[in-house]
Amino acid sequence: MFREAAEAGDVVRRQRERNAEVIACLAGRLRANKPRAVVTLARGSSDHAATFARYLIETRAGILTSSASPSVGSIYSATPDLAGTMLLAISQSGRSPDLVNAAKQASTNGALLVAMVNDEGSPLAQMADVIIPLWAGPERSVAASKSFIASLAAILDLLTAWTEDRAIESALSNLPDKLGEAWDLDWTAALPRLTGANAMYVVGRGHGLGIAQEAALKLKETCAIHAEAFSAAEVRHGPMALVGEDFPVLLFGQTDESLESVAALAREFADRGAQVISAGVPGTPGMTLPVIPSDALTAPILATASFYRLANALALARGRDPDRPPHLAKVTETL
């Protein structure tokens, strides 16, 4: 996990160079024939990347975006009409049976099938109308890292070309180098507060919510901490009842319209005695982790790189092997 996560900057640089033509062609196609909706299809870490995509597509491209439930077809044998939509399937392996079957059904029912996949020889890639390779290379750790960051970068690259937003393009061009800087940041100050934790919350908002979801999953699978991810708005509806003295909370923020609500929540957590740890939420109580200065769209991607290094160190500090979590496999054969 340590070595693979450290490769993220090189992966994104390679990906942007090799995918420029396919992304430009797809972006032109989407501008010429605007989809009536976008449907995302993914599991695990890839589904957290889909959350990132949903917020950006809705706010930047103005198109309704929803997450598909593979069980609609695999269990209930229902076939929604997807004519005029784009199905964005995201997968490291492209081999989970229920995901592959759902993608096939969507394509049969009229969707333009776009696959972001790390394995171009996979069943998902072979049936896609458009393949956007992640170019992450072999990922042997069970916990996905560089392939997740590659998915985020590919999503942002597609959105940039689709909306022709030159401001995002400028940020993307610097992303590979900044990922290296983010990986080098030292977040180990958080170890004493998390090494003995049994449960915690991870909070984000907007397109930062997907990063909070990913961090919570990694804390579960590599560190055996019962971490739950919430939106900064949603956590107030019930989950706040569990927050008390020394309860750990990790908050992610980016400098957009969502930042003040995350900062206000950090203050509320602190008032309840929680152990507040934040990244990208300046001026809040508790521990503030260093971040690389960046725009609001790439900030969550950079924070992910820094977090992966912390998760690896935390797993080791808790006496666990981050590469081989118990009861898990690299490809989950969900039926």
Protein backbone atom coordinates (compact mmCIF):
# COMPACT_ATOMS: atom_id res chain seq x y z
CA MET A 1 0.00 0.00 0.00
CA PHE A 2 2.79 2.42 0.90
CA ARG A 3 4.64 1.94 -2.38
CA GLU A 4 1.52 1.95 -4.53
CA ALA A 5 0.00 5.07 -2.97
CA ALA A 6 3.32 6.85 -3.43
CA GLU A 7 3.05 6.24 -7.20
CA ALA A 8 -0.13 8.30 -7.58
CA GLY A 9 1.56 11.37 -9.06
CA ASP A 10 3.30 9.34 -11.75
CA VAL A 11 0.07 7.45 -12.47
CA VAL A 12 -1.89 10.67 -13.01
CA ARG A 13 0.83 12.14 -15.22
CA ARG A 14 0.85 8.99 -17.38
CA GLN A 15 -2.93 8.86 -17.46
CA ARG A 16 -3.34 12.45 -18.62
CA GLU A 17 -0.81 12.00 -21.41
CA ARG A 18 -2.28 8.74 -22.72
CA ASN A 19 -5.98 9.57 -22.33
CA ALA A 20 -5.98 13.03 -23.89
CA GLU A 21 -7.43 11.88 -27.23
CA VAL A 22 -10.13 9.56 -25.89
CA ILE A 23 -11.28 12.15 -23.34
CA ALA A 24 -11.39 14.92 -25.95
CA CYS A 25 -13.48 12.72 -28.27
CA LEU A 26 -15.92 11.74 -25.49
CA ALA A 27 -16.21 15.34 -24.30
CA GLY A 28 -17.10 16.49 -27.81
CA ARG A 29 -19.68 13.74 -28.06
CA LEU A 30 -21.27 14.79 -24.76
CA ARG A 31 -21.43 18.43 -25.82
CA ALA A 32 -22.99 17.52 -29.15
CA ASN A 33 -25.50 15.09 -27.61
CA LYS A 34 -26.15 16.18 -24.05
CA PRO A 35 -27.24 13.19 -21.96
CA ARG A 36 -30.54 13.59 -20.14
CA ALA A 37 -28.89 12.13 -17.04
CA VAL A 38 -25.70 10.44 -15.85
CA VAL A 39 -25.85 7.18 -13.92
CA THR A 40 -22.81 5.96 -12.00
CA LEU A 41 -22.09 2.28 -11.40
CA ALA A 42 -19.41 1.19 -8.93
CA ARG A 43 -18.62 -0.67 -5.74
CA GLY A 44 -16.31 0.03 -2.79
CA SER A 45 -13.64 2.68 -3.33
CA SER A 46 -14.81 3.16 -6.91
CA ASP A 47 -18.25 4.10 -5.61
CA HIS A 48 -16.63 6.82 -3.50
CA ALA A 49 -15.05 8.13 -6.71
CA ALA A 50 -18.58 8.06 -8.17
CA THR A 51 -19.73 10.31 -5.31
CA PHE A 52 -16.97 12.74 -6.29
CA ALA A 53 -18.21 12.55 -9.89
CA ARG A 54 -21.86 13.11 -9.00
CA TYR A 55 -21.22 16.40 -7.22
CA LEU A 56 -18.98 17.71 -9.98
CA ILE A 57 -21.23 16.69 -12.88
CA GLU A 58 -24.29 18.22 -11.25
CA THR A 59 -22.59 21.47 -10.19
CA ARG A 60 -20.34 21.97 -13.23
CA ALA A 61 -22.19 20.32 -16.12
CA GLY A 62 -25.68 20.83 -14.70
CA ILE A 63 -26.84 17.27 -15.40
CA LEU A 64 -28.79 15.13 -12.95
CA THR A 65 -26.57 12.30 -11.72
CA SER A 66 -27.60 9.22 -9.77
CA SER A 67 -26.00 6.02 -8.51
CA ALA A 68 -27.20 2.72 -9.97
CA SER A 69 -27.99 -0.22 -7.70
CA PRO A 70 -26.79 -3.44 -9.38
CA SER A 71 -29.30 -5.47 -7.34
CA VAL A 72 -32.17 -3.81 -9.24
CA GLY A 73 -31.27 -6.13 -12.10
CA SER A 74 -29.42 -8.99 -10.41
CA ILE A 75 -32.03 -9.64 -7.68
CA TYR A 76 -35.25 -7.95 -8.81
CA SER A 77 -34.82 -8.44 -12.58
CA ALA A 78 -35.96 -4.86 -13.23
CA THR A 79 -34.74 -3.01 -16.33
CA PRO A 80 -34.99 0.79 -16.05
CA ASP A 81 -35.16 2.76 -19.30
CA LEU A 82 -31.75 4.41 -19.70
CA ALA A 83 -32.16 5.74 -23.22
CA GLY A 84 -30.35 9.04 -23.64
CA THR A 85 -28.24 8.62 -20.49
CA MET A 86 -24.56 8.04 -19.92
CA LEU A 87 -23.64 5.17 -17.61
CA LEU A 88 -20.28 5.89 -15.98
CA ALA A 89 -18.94 2.57 -14.68
CA ILE A 90 -15.84 2.83 -12.46
CA SER A 91 -13.87 -0.25 -11.48
CA GLN A 92 -10.29 -1.22 -10.74
CA SER A 93 -10.74 -4.83 -11.91
CA GLY A 94 -13.80 -4.61 -14.14
CA ARG A 95 -14.67 -8.16 -13.12
CA SER A 96 -17.27 -8.14 -10.34
CA PRO A 97 -20.17 -10.18 -11.79
CA ASP A 98 -23.03 -8.00 -10.57
CA LEU A 99 -21.35 -4.82 -11.81
CA VAL A 100 -20.60 -6.36 -15.21
CA ASN A 101 -24.19 -7.63 -15.55
CA ALA A 102 -25.63 -4.24 -14.53
CA ALA A 103 -23.45 -2.50 -17.12
CA LYS A 104 -24.57 -4.93 -19.81
CA GLN A 105 -28.24 -4.38 -18.96
CA ALA A 106 -27.79 -0.60 -18.98
CA SER A 107 -26.14 -0.72 -22.39
CA THR A 108 -28.95 -2.93 -23.71
CA ASN A 109 -31.47 -0.44 -22.35
CA GLY A 110 -30.04 2.53 -24.20
CA ALA A 111 -27.21 3.95 -22.08
CA LEU A 112 -23.90 5.15 -23.47
CA LEU A 113 -21.51 2.93 -21.49
CA VAL A 114 -18.31 4.67 -20.41
CA ALA A 115 -15.91 2.51 -18.38
CA MET A 116 -13.14 3.91 -16.22
CA VAL A 117 -11.19 0.74 -15.55
CA ASN A 118 -7.65 -0.29 -14.69
CA ASP A 119 -7.80 -3.60 -16.57
CA GLU A 120 -8.46 -3.00 -20.27
CA GLY A 121 -8.86 -6.75 -20.84
CA SER A 122 -11.66 -7.06 -18.30
CA PRO A 123 -15.26 -7.97 -19.21
CA LEU A 124 -16.43 -4.45 -18.30
CA ALA A 125 -13.88 -2.82 -20.58
CA GLN A 126 -14.65 -5.18 -23.45
CA MET A 127 -18.36 -4.28 -23.53
CA ALA A 128 -17.93 -0.50 -23.07
CA ASP A 129 -18.72 2.04 -25.78
CA VAL A 130 -15.84 4.19 -24.49
CA ILE A 131 -12.93 3.01 -22.32
CA ILE A 132 -11.02 5.51 -20.18
CA PRO A 133 -8.07 3.50 -18.85
CA LEU A 134 -6.84 4.40 -15.37
CA TRP A 135 -3.24 3.42 -16.21
CA ALA A 136 -2.53 2.69 -12.52
CA GLY A 137 -0.60 -0.49 -13.30
CA PRO A 138 -0.68 -3.54 -11.04
CA GLU A 139 -2.18 -2.88 -7.62
CA ARG A 140 -1.41 -5.81 -5.33
CA SER A 141 -2.48 -4.38 -1.99
CA VAL A 142 -6.08 -5.33 -1.22
CA ALA A 143 -6.70 -1.72 -0.21
CA ALA A 144 -7.03 0.38 -3.37
CA SER A 145 -4.99 3.58 -3.34
CA LYS A 146 -3.38 4.71 -6.59
CA SER A 147 -6.33 3.38 -8.62
CA PHE A 148 -8.73 5.46 -6.52
CA ILE A 149 -6.70 8.63 -7.04
CA ALA A 150 -6.45 7.76 -10.75
CA SER A 151 -10.25 7.52 -10.86
CA LEU A 152 -10.65 10.96 -9.29
CA ALA A 153 -8.17 12.48 -11.73
CA ALA A 154 -9.86 10.84 -14.72
CA ILE A 155 -13.25 12.16 -13.59
CA LEU A 156 -11.89 15.68 -13.25
CA ASP A 157 -10.10 15.40 -16.60
CA LEU A 158 -13.32 14.36 -18.34
CA LEU A 159 -15.31 17.11 -16.66
CA THR A 160 -12.73 19.71 -17.67
CA ALA A 161 -12.84 18.70 -21.32
CA TRP A 162 -16.62 18.34 -21.31
CA THR A 163 -17.29 21.81 -19.84
CA GLU A 164 -14.24 23.41 -21.51
CA ASP A 165 -13.28 24.95 -18.19
CA ARG A 166 -9.76 26.29 -18.64
CA ALA A 167 -9.42 27.16 -14.94
CA ILE A 168 -9.74 23.47 -14.03
CA GLU A 169 -7.26 22.59 -16.78
CA SER A 170 -4.63 24.78 -15.15
CA ALA A 171 -5.11 23.03 -11.81
CA LEU A 172 -4.99 19.60 -13.44
CA SER A 173 -1.70 20.30 -15.16
CA ASN A 174 -0.05 20.78 -11.76
CA LEU A 175 -1.79 17.83 -10.10
CA PRO A 176 0.91 15.16 -10.65
CA ASP A 177 3.64 17.25 -9.00
CA LYS A 178 1.34 18.35 -6.18
CA LEU A 179 0.40 14.73 -5.49
CA GLY A 180 4.05 14.05 -4.80
CA GLU A 181 4.14 17.00 -2.40
CA ALA A 182 0.94 15.84 -0.69
CA TRP A 183 2.38 12.36 -0.21
CA ASP A 184 5.43 13.85 1.51
CA LEU A 185 3.34 15.71 4.11
CA ASP A 186 3.64 14.49 7.66
CA TRP A 187 0.30 13.60 9.24
CA THR A 188 1.78 11.34 11.93
CA ALA A 189 0.87 13.87 14.64
CA ALA A 190 -2.59 12.31 14.45
CA LEU A 191 -1.33 8.84 15.42
CA PRO A 192 -1.51 9.28 19.21
CA ARG A 193 -5.17 10.32 18.93
CA LEU A 194 -6.15 7.45 16.64
CA THR A 195 -3.98 4.48 17.62
CA GLY A 196 -6.29 3.47 20.46
CA ALA A 197 -9.56 4.42 18.76
CA ASN A 198 -12.35 1.89 18.29
CA ALA A 199 -14.84 4.15 16.52
CA MET A 200 -14.78 7.55 14.83
CA TYR A 201 -16.47 9.78 12.26
CA VAL A 202 -15.03 11.10 9.01
CA VAL A 203 -16.75 14.20 7.63
CA GLY A 204 -16.73 16.05 4.31
CA ARG A 205 -19.16 17.98 2.15
CA GLY A 206 -19.78 18.52 -1.54
CA HIS A 207 -17.31 16.68 -3.73
CA GLY A 208 -15.21 16.22 -0.57
CA LEU A 209 -17.80 13.75 0.74
CA GLY A 210 -16.44 10.99 -1.49
CA ILE A 211 -13.01 11.44 0.07
CA ALA A 212 -14.53 11.16 3.56
CA GLN A 213 -16.25 7.94 2.46
CA GLU A 214 -12.98 6.56 1.14
CA ALA A 215 -11.08 7.49 4.31
CA ALA A 216 -13.70 5.78 6.47
CA LEU A 217 -13.45 2.61 4.39
CA LYS A 218 -9.65 2.57 4.63
CA LEU A 219 -9.80 3.06 8.40
CA LYS A 220 -12.10 0.04 8.59
CA GLU A 221 -10.21 -2.31 6.30
CA THR A 222 -6.60 -1.43 7.12
CA CYS A 223 -6.84 -0.21 10.72
CA ALA A 224 -9.89 -2.07 12.12
CA ILE A 225 -11.49 1.17 13.31
CA HIS A 226 -15.27 1.39 13.02
CA ALA A 227 -15.18 4.64 11.04
CA GLU A 228 -18.35 6.09 9.55
CA ALA A 229 -18.48 8.81 6.89
CA PHE A 230 -21.05 11.60 6.93
CA SER A 231 -21.85 14.83 5.18
CA ALA A 232 -21.30 17.85 7.40
CA ALA A 233 -25.05 18.46 7.12
CA GLU A 234 -26.21 14.89 7.61
CA VAL A 235 -24.16 14.15 10.73
CA ARG A 236 -26.42 16.46 12.75
CA HIS A 237 -29.44 14.26 12.03
CA GLY A 238 -28.95 11.54 14.63
CA PRO A 239 -25.25 10.57 14.47
CA MET A 240 -24.30 13.59 16.62
CA ALA A 241 -25.81 11.75 19.61
CA LEU A 242 -22.73 9.50 19.75
CA VAL A 243 -20.22 12.34 19.86
CA GLY A 244 -18.85 12.99 23.32
CA GLU A 245 -15.64 13.34 25.29
CA ASP A 246 -12.56 12.21 23.31
CA PHE A 247 -14.60 10.82 20.38
CA PRO A 248 -12.29 11.12 17.32
CA VAL A 249 -13.53 13.06 14.28
CA LEU A 250 -11.57 13.63 11.08
CA LEU A 251 -12.85 16.47 8.88
CA PHE A 252 -11.92 17.23 5.28
CA GLY A 253 -12.57 20.65 3.72
CA GLN A 254 -11.97 22.55 0.50
CA THR A 255 -12.14 26.28 -0.17
CA ASP A 256 -15.60 26.52 -1.69
CA GLU A 257 -19.15 27.22 -0.51
CA SER A 258 -19.09 24.15 1.74
CA LEU A 259 -16.15 25.24 3.89
CA GLU A 260 -17.96 27.34 6.48
CA SER A 261 -20.43 24.58 7.28
CA VAL A 262 -17.56 22.13 7.88
CA ALA A 263 -15.73 24.69 10.05
CA ALA A 264 -18.89 25.35 12.08
CA LEU A 265 -19.31 21.62 12.62
CA ALA A 266 -15.70 21.34 13.81
CA ARG A 267 -16.43 23.94 16.47
CA GLU A 268 -19.57 22.07 17.51
CA PHE A 269 -17.62 18.82 17.80
CA ALA A 270 -15.00 20.56 19.95
CA ASP A 271 -17.70 21.97 22.22
CA ARG A 272 -18.82 18.40 22.87
CA GLY A 273 -15.29 17.37 23.87
CA ALA A 274 -14.49 15.45 20.68
CA GLN A 275 -10.95 14.89 19.44
CA VAL A 276 -11.11 17.11 16.34
CA ILE A 277 -8.61 16.48 13.54
CA SER A 278 -9.01 18.50 10.34
CA ALA A 279 -7.40 18.83 6.92
CA GLY A 280 -8.20 21.84 4.79
CA VAL A 281 -10.36 23.51 7.45
CA PRO A 282 -8.20 26.38 8.75
CA GLY A 283 -8.82 28.19 12.01
CA THR A 284 -10.75 25.39 13.69
CA PRO A 285 -10.13 23.94 17.16
CA GLY A 286 -8.21 20.74 17.64
CA MET A 287 -5.43 19.37 15.45
CA THR A 288 -4.94 20.90 12.01
CA LEU A 289 -3.10 18.67 9.54
CA PRO A 290 -0.96 20.30 6.83
CA VAL A 291 -2.31 20.45 3.27
CA ILE A 292 -0.90 21.56 -0.07
CA PRO A 293 -2.34 24.94 -1.17
CA SER A 294 -4.63 24.25 -4.11
CA ASP A 295 -7.94 25.04 -5.74
CA ALA A 296 -11.17 23.57 -4.38
CA LEU A 297 -11.51 20.91 -7.08
CA THR A 298 -8.12 19.24 -6.69
CA ALA A 299 -7.82 19.74 -2.90
CA PRO A 300 -9.74 16.53 -2.05
CA ILE A 301 -7.52 14.51 -4.38
CA LEU A 302 -4.38 15.85 -2.70
CA ALA A 303 -5.81 15.23 0.77
CA THR A 304 -6.45 11.62 -0.23
CA ALA A 305 -2.75 11.09 -0.96
CA SER A 306 -1.76 12.50 2.42
CA PHE A 307 -4.42 10.42 4.16
CA TYR A 308 -3.22 7.16 2.57
CA ARG A 309 0.21 7.65 4.10
CA LEU A 310 -1.41 8.24 7.49
CA ALA A 311 -3.65 5.16 7.13
CA ASN A 312 -0.66 2.98 6.32
CA ALA A 313 1.26 4.28 9.37
CA LEU A 314 -1.81 3.94 11.59
CA ALA A 315 -2.36 0.32 10.54
CA LEU A 316 1.23 -0.53 11.44
CA ALA A 317 0.94 1.34 14.75
CA ARG A 318 -2.10 -0.81 15.56
CA GLY A 319 -0.19 -4.00 14.73
CA ARG A 320 -2.00 -4.71 11.46
CA ASP A 321 -0.87 -5.50 7.91
CA PRO A 322 -2.35 -2.78 5.66
CA ASP A 323 -1.75 -4.90 2.54
CA ARG A 324 -3.67 -7.96 3.70
CA PRO A 325 -6.80 -7.07 5.68
CA PRO A 326 -8.56 -10.15 7.09
CA HIS A 327 -11.53 -11.63 5.21
CA LEU A 328 -11.00 -9.44 2.11
CA ALA A 329 -9.90 -10.11 -1.47
CA LYS A 330 -8.74 -7.80 -4.24
CA VAL A 331 -11.67 -8.63 -6.51
CA THR A 332 -14.98 -8.98 -4.66
CA GLU A 333 -17.16 -11.47 -6.51
CA THR A 334 -20.52 -9.90 -5.67
CA LEU A 335 -23.40 -11.75 -7.33
